[in-house]
Amino acid sequence: MMEENKLLGYLKANHIKQQQVAKIIGRSLSATNRKINNHTDFTKREIQKLHDLLNIPIDVII
């Protein structure tokens, strides 16, 4: 069984597009997609930006 992706679910539920996330963290859409899909990790700075600017709970991001 696949592990639930809390961040992807949160983004969809709150109508936040991956393009918005990419712009906020200063990454390409493909790099952002890899982070959202748990292939690479968000940096502490990126996590803080997403929390501060989009009000995404930190426990959803990590």
PDB file of N, CA and C in Angstrom:
ATOM      1  N   MET A   1       0.846  -1.187   0.000  1.00  0.00           N
ATOM      2  CA  MET A   1       0.000   0.000   0.000  1.00  0.00           C
ATOM      3  C   MET A   1       0.890   1.248   0.000  1.00  0.00           C
ATOM      4  N   MET A   2       0.527   2.235  -0.800  1.00  0.00           N
ATOM      5  CA  MET A   2       1.314   3.463  -0.889  1.00  0.00           C
ATOM      6  C   MET A   2       1.081   4.352   0.328  1.00  0.00           C
ATOM      7  N   GLU A   3       2.148   5.007   0.757  1.00  0.00           N
ATOM      8  CA  GLU A   3       2.047   5.946   1.863  1.00  0.00           C
ATOM      9  C   GLU A   3       1.338   7.205   1.378  1.00  0.00           C
ATOM     10  N   GLU A   4       0.456   7.724   2.203  1.00  0.00           N
ATOM     11  CA  GLU A   4      -0.283   8.940   1.859  1.00  0.00           C
ATOM     12  C   GLU A   4       0.670  10.129   1.794  1.00  0.00           C
ATOM     13  N   ASN A   5       0.519  10.953   0.776  1.00  0.00           N
ATOM     14  CA  ASN A   5       1.322  12.160   0.636  1.00  0.00           C
ATOM     15  C   ASN A   5       0.513  13.316   1.225  1.00  0.00           C
ATOM     16  N   LYS A   6       0.842  13.675   2.479  1.00  0.00           N
ATOM     17  CA  LYS A   6       0.078  14.718   3.176  1.00  0.00           C
ATOM     18  C   LYS A   6       0.182  16.067   2.481  1.00  0.00           C
ATOM     19  N   LEU A   7       1.369  16.390   1.995  1.00  0.00           N
ATOM     20  CA  LEU A   7       1.550  17.696   1.362  1.00  0.00           C
ATOM     21  C   LEU A   7       0.740  17.794   0.073  1.00  0.00           C
ATOM     22  N   LEU A   8       0.801  16.780  -0.756  1.00  0.00           N
ATOM     23  CA  LEU A   8       0.044  16.802  -2.003  1.00  0.00           C
ATOM     24  C   LEU A   8      -1.452  16.905  -1.724  1.00  0.00           C
ATOM     25  N   GLY A   9      -1.927  16.167  -0.743  1.00  0.00           N
ATOM     26  CA  GLY A   9      -3.335  16.241  -0.360  1.00  0.00           C
ATOM     27  C   GLY A   9      -3.714  17.622   0.141  1.00  0.00           C
ATOM     28  N   TYR A  10      -2.831  18.234   0.936  1.00  0.00           N
ATOM     29  CA  TYR A  10      -3.079  19.577   1.464  1.00  0.00           C
ATOM     30  C   TYR A  10      -3.146  20.593   0.328  1.00  0.00           C
ATOM     31  N   LEU A  11      -2.205  20.499  -0.603  1.00  0.00           N
ATOM     32  CA  LEU A  11      -2.190  21.437  -1.726  1.00  0.00           C
ATOM     33  C   LEU A  11      -3.477  21.331  -2.533  1.00  0.00           C
ATOM     34  N   LYS A  12      -3.895  20.111  -2.831  1.00  0.00           N
ATOM     35  CA  LYS A  12      -5.127  19.912  -3.602  1.00  0.00           C
ATOM     36  C   LYS A  12      -6.345  20.425  -2.843  1.00  0.00           C
ATOM     37  N   ALA A  13      -6.438  20.111  -1.559  1.00  0.00           N
ATOM     38  CA  ALA A  13      -7.590  20.514  -0.749  1.00  0.00           C
ATOM     39  C   ALA A  13      -7.693  22.030  -0.624  1.00  0.00           C
ATOM     40  N   ASN A  14      -6.543  22.707  -0.678  1.00  0.00           N
ATOM     41  CA  ASN A  14      -6.523  24.158  -0.506  1.00  0.00           C
ATOM     42  C   ASN A  14      -6.305  24.909  -1.821  1.00  0.00           C
ATOM     43  N   HIS A  15      -6.428  24.191  -2.927  1.00  0.00           N
ATOM     44  CA  HIS A  15      -6.323  24.787  -4.270  1.00  0.00           C
ATOM     45  C   HIS A  15      -5.022  25.567  -4.454  1.00  0.00           C
ATOM     46  N   ILE A  16      -3.932  24.992  -3.956  1.00  0.00           N
ATOM     47  CA  ILE A  16      -2.606  25.591  -4.121  1.00  0.00           C
ATOM     48  C   ILE A  16      -1.900  24.824  -5.232  1.00  0.00           C
ATOM     49  N   LYS A  17      -1.499  25.534  -6.263  1.00  0.00           N
ATOM     50  CA  LYS A  17      -0.850  24.894  -7.410  1.00  0.00           C
ATOM     51  C   LYS A  17       0.653  24.715  -7.158  1.00  0.00           C
ATOM     52  N   GLN A  18       1.193  23.670  -7.758  1.00  0.00           N
ATOM     53  CA  GLN A  18       2.625  23.423  -7.614  1.00  0.00           C
ATOM     54  C   GLN A  18       3.443  24.592  -8.163  1.00  0.00           C
ATOM     55  N   GLN A  19       2.908  25.298  -9.152  1.00  0.00           N
ATOM     56  CA  GLN A  19       3.597  26.475  -9.695  1.00  0.00           C
ATOM     57  C   GLN A  19       3.763  27.545  -8.618  1.00  0.00           C
ATOM     58  N   GLN A  20       2.737  27.707  -7.750  1.00  0.00           N
ATOM     59  CA  GLN A  20       2.834  28.679  -6.656  1.00  0.00           C
ATOM     60  C   GLN A  20       3.948  28.285  -5.702  1.00  0.00           C
ATOM     61  N   VAL A  21       3.990  27.007  -5.365  1.00  0.00           N
ATOM     62  CA  VAL A  21       5.021  26.503  -4.456  1.00  0.00           C
ATOM     63  C   VAL A  21       6.398  26.732  -5.076  1.00  0.00           C
ATOM     64  N   ALA A  22       6.549  26.414  -6.359  1.00  0.00           N
ATOM     65  CA  ALA A  22       7.831  26.577  -7.051  1.00  0.00           C
ATOM     66  C   ALA A  22       8.295  28.029  -7.014  1.00  0.00           C
ATOM     67  N   LYS A  23       7.375  28.950  -7.267  1.00  0.00           N
ATOM     68  CA  LYS A  23       7.734  30.372  -7.265  1.00  0.00           C
ATOM     69  C   LYS A  23       8.188  30.817  -5.874  1.00  0.00           C
ATOM     70  N   ILE A  24       7.487  30.379  -4.848  1.00  0.00           N
ATOM     71  CA  ILE A  24       7.815  30.784  -3.480  1.00  0.00           C
ATOM     72  C   ILE A  24       9.182  30.266  -3.051  1.00  0.00           C
ATOM     73  N   ILE A  25       9.492  29.022  -3.405  1.00  0.00           N
ATOM     74  CA  ILE A  25      10.773  28.461  -2.960  1.00  0.00           C
ATOM     75  C   ILE A  25      11.901  28.707  -3.961  1.00  0.00           C
ATOM     76  N   GLY A  26      11.570  29.315  -5.107  1.00  0.00           N
ATOM     77  CA  GLY A  26      12.602  29.661  -6.082  1.00  0.00           C
ATOM     78  C   GLY A  26      13.195  28.465  -6.802  1.00  0.00           C
ATOM     79  N   ARG A  27      12.362  27.477  -7.090  1.00  0.00           N
ATOM     80  CA  ARG A  27      12.821  26.267  -7.786  1.00  0.00           C
ATOM     81  C   ARG A  27      12.016  26.078  -9.064  1.00  0.00           C
ATOM     82  N   SER A  28      12.535  25.248  -9.946  1.00  0.00           N
ATOM     83  CA  SER A  28      11.791  24.908 -11.160  1.00  0.00           C
ATOM     84  C   SER A  28      10.588  24.058 -10.779  1.00  0.00           C
ATOM     85  N   LEU A  29       9.643  23.963 -11.689  1.00  0.00           N
ATOM     86  CA  LEU A  29       8.465  23.139 -11.442  1.00  0.00           C
ATOM     87  C   LEU A  29       8.860  21.676 -11.273  1.00  0.00           C
ATOM     88  N   SER A  30       9.802  21.195 -12.078  1.00  0.00           N
ATOM     89  CA  SER A  30      10.198  19.786 -11.964  1.00  0.00           C
ATOM     90  C   SER A  30      10.907  19.514 -10.641  1.00  0.00           C
ATOM     91  N   ALA A  31      11.760  20.428 -10.186  1.00  0.00           N
ATOM     92  CA  ALA A  31      12.434  20.253  -8.895  1.00  0.00           C
ATOM     93  C   ALA A  31      11.420  20.293  -7.755  1.00  0.00           C
ATOM     94  N   THR A  32      10.449  21.182  -7.869  1.00  0.00           N
ATOM     95  CA  THR A  32       9.402  21.289  -6.849  1.00  0.00           C
ATOM     96  C   THR A  32       8.558  20.026  -6.815  1.00  0.00           C
ATOM     97  N   ASN A  33       8.232  19.493  -7.978  1.00  0.00           N
ATOM     98  CA  ASN A  33       7.453  18.262  -8.053  1.00  0.00           C
ATOM     99  C   ASN A  33       8.194  17.113  -7.372  1.00  0.00           C
ATOM    100  N   ARG A  34       9.504  17.032  -7.558  1.00  0.00           N
ATOM    101  CA  ARG A  34      10.291  15.980  -6.891  1.00  0.00           C
ATOM    102  C   ARG A  34      10.242  16.145  -5.377  1.00  0.00           C
ATOM    103  N   LYS A  35      10.265  17.374  -4.905  1.00  0.00           N
ATOM    104  CA  LYS A  35      10.191  17.623  -3.464  1.00  0.00           C
ATOM    105  C   LYS A  35       8.806  17.253  -2.925  1.00  0.00           C
ATOM    106  N   ILE A  36       7.762  17.672  -3.616  1.00  0.00           N
ATOM    107  CA  ILE A  36       6.392  17.386  -3.180  1.00  0.00           C
ATOM    108  C   ILE A  36       6.140  15.879  -3.148  1.00  0.00           C
ATOM    109  N   ASN A  37       6.735  15.151  -4.090  1.00  0.00           N
ATOM    110  CA  ASN A  37       6.526  13.706  -4.175  1.00  0.00           C
ATOM    111  C   ASN A  37       7.573  12.895  -3.412  1.00  0.00           C
ATOM    112  N   ASN A  38       8.280  13.567  -2.502  1.00  0.00           N
ATOM    113  CA  ASN A  38       9.216  12.924  -1.571  1.00  0.00           C
ATOM    114  C   ASN A  38      10.409  12.246  -2.238  1.00  0.00           C
ATOM    115  N   HIS A  39      10.806  12.726  -3.417  1.00  0.00           N
ATOM    116  CA  HIS A  39      12.003  12.186  -4.059  1.00  0.00           C
ATOM    117  C   HIS A  39      13.241  12.945  -3.590  1.00  0.00           C
ATOM    118  N   THR A  40      13.061  14.213  -3.242  1.00  0.00           N
ATOM    119  CA  THR A  40      14.112  15.023  -2.628  1.00  0.00           C
ATOM    120  C   THR A  40      13.479  15.798  -1.481  1.00  0.00           C
ATOM    121  N   ASP A  41      14.319  16.279  -0.565  1.00  0.00           N
ATOM    122  CA  ASP A  41      13.816  16.964   0.626  1.00  0.00           C
ATOM    123  C   ASP A  41      13.760  18.476   0.436  1.00  0.00           C
ATOM    124  N   PHE A  42      12.816  19.098   1.127  1.00  0.00           N
ATOM    125  CA  PHE A  42      12.775  20.549   1.219  1.00  0.00           C
ATOM    126  C   PHE A  42      13.863  20.993   2.184  1.00  0.00           C
ATOM    127  N   THR A  43      14.471  22.154   1.912  1.00  0.00           N
ATOM    128  CA  THR A  43      15.428  22.721   2.861  1.00  0.00           C
ATOM    129  C   THR A  43      14.652  23.375   4.004  1.00  0.00           C
ATOM    130  N   LYS A  44      15.342  23.654   5.085  1.00  0.00           N
ATOM    131  CA  LYS A  44      14.693  24.340   6.215  1.00  0.00           C
ATOM    132  C   LYS A  44      14.137  25.689   5.772  1.00  0.00           C
ATOM    133  N   ARG A  45      14.885  26.380   4.934  1.00  0.00           N
ATOM    134  CA  ARG A  45      14.444  27.694   4.444  1.00  0.00           C
ATOM    135  C   ARG A  45      13.169  27.568   3.601  1.00  0.00           C
ATOM    136  N   GLU A  46      13.118  26.557   2.746  1.00  0.00           N
ATOM    137  CA  GLU A  46      11.934  26.332   1.909  1.00  0.00           C
ATOM    138  C   GLU A  46      10.720  25.994   2.769  1.00  0.00           C
ATOM    139  N   ILE A  47      10.931  25.153   3.767  1.00  0.00           N
ATOM    140  CA  ILE A  47       9.842  24.783   4.681  1.00  0.00           C
ATOM    141  C   ILE A  47       9.305  26.025   5.377  1.00  0.00           C
ATOM    142  N   GLN A  48      10.206  26.874   5.858  1.00  0.00           N
ATOM    143  CA  GLN A  48       9.783  28.089   6.559  1.00  0.00           C
ATOM    144  C   GLN A  48       9.020  29.028   5.629  1.00  0.00           C
ATOM    145  N   LYS A  49       9.476  29.176   4.388  1.00  0.00           N
ATOM    146  CA  LYS A  49       8.782  30.036   3.422  1.00  0.00           C
ATOM    147  C   LYS A  49       7.368  29.529   3.153  1.00  0.00           C
ATOM    148  N   LEU A  50       7.223  28.221   2.946  1.00  0.00           N
ATOM    149  CA  LEU A  50       5.899  27.651   2.672  1.00  0.00           C
ATOM    150  C   LEU A  50       4.975  27.825   3.867  1.00  0.00           C
ATOM    151  N   HIS A  51       5.531  27.681   5.045  1.00  0.00           N
ATOM    152  CA  HIS A  51       4.735  27.867   6.262  1.00  0.00           C
ATOM    153  C   HIS A  51       4.322  29.336   6.406  1.00  0.00           C
ATOM    154  N   ASP A  52       5.272  30.238   6.238  1.00  0.00           N
ATOM    155  CA  ASP A  52       5.006  31.667   6.436  1.00  0.00           C
ATOM    156  C   ASP A  52       4.091  32.258   5.358  1.00  0.00           C
ATOM    157  N   LEU A  53       4.303  31.885   4.103  1.00  0.00           N
ATOM    158  CA  LEU A  53       3.585  32.529   3.006  1.00  0.00           C
ATOM    159  C   LEU A  53       2.298  31.819   2.593  1.00  0.00           C
ATOM    160  N   LEU A  54       2.231  30.507   2.788  1.00  0.00           N
ATOM    161  CA  LEU A  54       1.031  29.761   2.390  1.00  0.00           C
ATOM    162  C   LEU A  54       0.302  29.144   3.584  1.00  0.00           C
ATOM    163  N   ASN A  55       0.840  29.381   4.782  1.00  0.00           N
ATOM    164  CA  ASN A  55       0.239  28.856   6.017  1.00  0.00           C
ATOM    165  C   ASN A  55       0.123  27.336   6.022  1.00  0.00           C
ATOM    166  N   ILE A  56       1.052  26.661   5.363  1.00  0.00           N
ATOM    167  CA  ILE A  56       1.051  25.198   5.368  1.00  0.00           C
ATOM    168  C   ILE A  56       1.693  24.740   6.675  1.00  0.00           C
ATOM    169  N   PRO A  57       1.008  23.903   7.445  1.00  0.00           N
ATOM    170  CA  PRO A  57       1.604  23.413   8.696  1.00  0.00           C
ATOM    171  C   PRO A  57       2.922  22.678   8.421  1.00  0.00           C
ATOM    172  N   ILE A  58       3.908  22.926   9.258  1.00  0.00           N
ATOM    173  CA  ILE A  58       5.225  22.324   9.061  1.00  0.00           C
ATOM    174  C   ILE A  58       5.143  20.803   9.058  1.00  0.00           C
ATOM    175  N   ASP A  59       4.295  20.226   9.905  1.00  0.00           N
ATOM    176  CA  ASP A  59       4.204  18.759   9.955  1.00  0.00           C
ATOM    177  C   ASP A  59       3.616  18.171   8.673  1.00  0.00           C
ATOM    178  N   VAL A  60       2.962  18.978   7.872  1.00  0.00           N
ATOM    179  CA  VAL A  60       2.450  18.517   6.577  1.00  0.00           C
ATOM    180  C   VAL A  60       3.579  18.528   5.541  1.00  0.00           C
ATOM    181  N   ILE A  61       4.504  19.462   5.684  1.00  0.00           N
ATOM    182  CA  ILE A  61       5.587  19.608   4.714  1.00  0.00           C
ATOM    183  C   ILE A  61       6.661  18.538   4.906  1.00  0.00           C
ATOM    184  N   ILE A  62       6.993  18.250   6.161  1.00  0.00           N
ATOM    185  CA  ILE A  62       8.095  17.301   6.407  1.00  0.00           C
ATOM    186  C   ILE A  62       7.614  15.881   6.565  1.00  0.00           C
TER     187      ILE A  62
END
